Protein backbone atom coordinates (compact mmCIF):
# COMPACT_ATOMS: atom_id res chain seq x y z
CA GLN A 1 11.87 -1.22 20.33
CA VAL A 2 9.59 -0.71 17.34
CA GLN A 3 9.83 2.76 15.89
CA LEU A 4 7.37 4.52 13.59
CA VAL A 5 8.16 7.89 12.02
CA GLU A 6 5.49 9.79 10.12
CA SER A 7 6.13 12.39 7.45
CA GLY A 8 4.32 14.14 4.64
CA GLY A 9 1.99 16.38 6.56
CA GLY A 10 1.49 20.02 5.69
CA SER A 11 -0.99 22.71 4.80
CA VAL A 12 -3.29 22.38 1.83
CA GLN A 13 -6.46 23.98 0.56
CA ALA A 14 -9.75 22.15 0.57
CA GLY A 15 -9.98 19.75 -2.34
CA GLY A 16 -6.25 19.16 -2.35
CA SER A 17 -4.24 16.03 -1.69
CA LEU A 18 -1.46 14.87 0.61
CA ARG A 19 0.40 11.61 0.99
CA LEU A 20 1.53 10.61 4.44
CA SER A 21 4.33 8.13 5.01
CA CYS A 22 5.23 6.06 8.04
CA ALA A 23 8.69 4.53 8.12
CA VAL A 24 8.83 1.50 10.39
CA SER A 25 11.88 -0.06 12.00
CA ARG A 26 12.28 -3.24 14.08
CA ALA A 27 8.98 -4.58 12.74
CA THR A 28 7.86 -5.75 9.29
CA VAL A 29 4.81 -3.86 8.07
CA SER A 30 3.53 -6.82 6.05
CA ASN A 31 3.40 -9.04 9.13
CA TYR A 32 1.16 -6.91 11.31
CA CYS A 33 -1.99 -4.90 11.44
CA MET A 34 -1.09 -1.30 10.58
CA GLY A 35 -3.30 1.70 11.07
CA TRP A 36 -3.66 5.45 10.71
CA PHE A 37 -5.35 7.55 13.36
CA ARG A 38 -5.92 11.28 13.81
CA LYS A 39 -6.48 13.69 16.66
CA ALA A 40 -8.05 17.10 16.13
CA PRO A 41 -7.98 19.80 18.83
CA GLY A 42 -10.86 19.37 21.23
CA LYS A 43 -11.84 16.00 19.78
CA GLU A 44 -11.11 12.42 20.68
CA ARG A 45 -8.64 10.41 18.67
CA GLU A 46 -10.31 8.86 15.62
CA GLY A 47 -9.38 5.77 13.68
CA VAL A 48 -8.89 6.47 9.98
CA ALA A 49 -7.83 3.25 8.23
CA THR A 50 -6.23 -0.14 8.75
CA ILE A 51 -4.44 -2.64 6.57
CA LYS A 52 -4.12 -6.25 7.64
CA SER A 53 -1.20 -8.54 6.98
CA ASP A 54 -3.19 -10.11 4.15
CA GLY A 55 -3.67 -6.70 2.57
CA ILE A 56 -7.33 -6.24 3.41
CA THR A 57 -8.12 -2.60 4.18
CA ASN A 58 -10.78 -0.90 6.22
CA TYR A 59 -11.76 2.75 6.49
CA ALA A 60 -13.72 5.04 8.72
CA ASN A 61 -16.90 6.22 7.03
CA SER A 62 -15.67 9.81 7.18
CA VAL A 63 -12.75 9.09 4.84
CA LYS A 64 -14.07 6.24 2.71
CA ASP A 65 -13.61 6.84 -1.03
CA ARG A 66 -11.22 9.74 -0.33
CA PHE A 67 -8.32 8.13 1.55
CA THR A 68 -6.28 5.06 0.61
CA ILE A 69 -4.03 3.11 2.95
CA SER A 70 -1.21 1.10 1.45
CA ARG A 71 2.24 -0.23 2.20
CA ASP A 72 5.53 -0.78 0.45
CA ASN A 73 6.93 -4.02 1.78
CA ALA A 74 10.36 -3.47 0.26
CA LYS A 75 10.68 -0.10 1.99
CA ASN A 76 8.85 -1.27 5.10
CA THR A 77 6.74 1.86 4.90
CA LEU A 78 3.04 2.56 5.39
CA PHE A 79 1.23 5.24 3.37
CA LEU A 80 -1.99 7.20 3.52
CA GLN A 81 -3.05 8.89 0.30
CA MET A 82 -5.54 11.62 1.12
CA ASN A 83 -7.59 13.16 -1.68
CA SER A 84 -10.45 15.64 -1.73
CA LEU A 85 -9.33 16.96 1.63
CA LYS A 86 -11.81 18.89 3.75
CA PRO A 87 -11.22 21.37 6.61
CA GLU A 88 -12.61 18.75 8.99
CA ASP A 89 -9.67 16.50 8.07
CA THR A 90 -7.37 18.91 9.92
CA ALA A 91 -5.64 16.92 12.66
CA LEU A 92 -2.44 15.36 13.90
CA TYR A 93 -2.12 12.05 12.05
CA TYR A 94 -0.49 9.02 13.66
CA CYS A 95 0.51 5.64 12.34
CA ALA A 96 0.42 2.64 14.63
CA THR A 97 0.88 -1.10 14.65
CA ARG A 98 -1.04 -3.79 16.45
CA TRP A 99 0.67 -7.03 17.34
CA ALA A 100 -2.29 -9.39 17.44
CA ASN A 101 -4.30 -11.63 15.14
CA THR A 102 -7.21 -9.22 15.05
CA CYS A 103 -7.12 -5.90 13.26
CA SER A 104 -9.65 -3.17 13.84
CA LEU A 105 -9.77 0.57 14.43
CA LEU A 106 -11.72 -0.23 17.58
CA LEU A 107 -8.95 -2.31 19.14
CA GLY A 108 -5.79 -1.25 20.94
CA PHE A 109 -2.59 -0.63 19.02
CA HIS A 110 0.76 -1.31 20.61
CA TYR A 111 3.27 1.04 19.01
CA TRP A 112 2.72 4.61 17.85
CA GLY A 113 4.55 7.29 15.96
CA GLN A 114 4.83 10.91 17.04
CA GLY A 115 2.42 12.21 14.42
CA THR A 116 2.45 14.59 11.47
CA GLN A 117 0.21 17.65 11.24
CA VAL A 118 -2.29 18.06 8.42
CA THR A 119 -4.04 21.40 8.06
CA VAL A 120 -6.75 21.94 5.47
CA SER A 121 -7.98 25.46 4.84
CA SER A 122 -11.26 26.41 3.24
């Protein structure tokens, strides 16, 4: 079974930065579509960013130019660098992988981590 374990969440003031990590086992991050999602209390889950097997990235408009998705193939780990954080970025952040040829925040992902909490105070 594919396992994804997120880490790196925490509390930060607005304008600060955090780097989330997602350690993946039983799947190779460079072979699949990988994504970050978030769920805030009272809101629906929102797609944040994806990275395709060819390295092409895509971002939600709400995080574009502030967040960067990347991966370390040697460590089989996915990252999300979050800069210029805002209170509205407060959420539980999940990494996920999609085992299909298409890669989009709008499509279903097959394996999910348990999430890491990010709290941004004003």
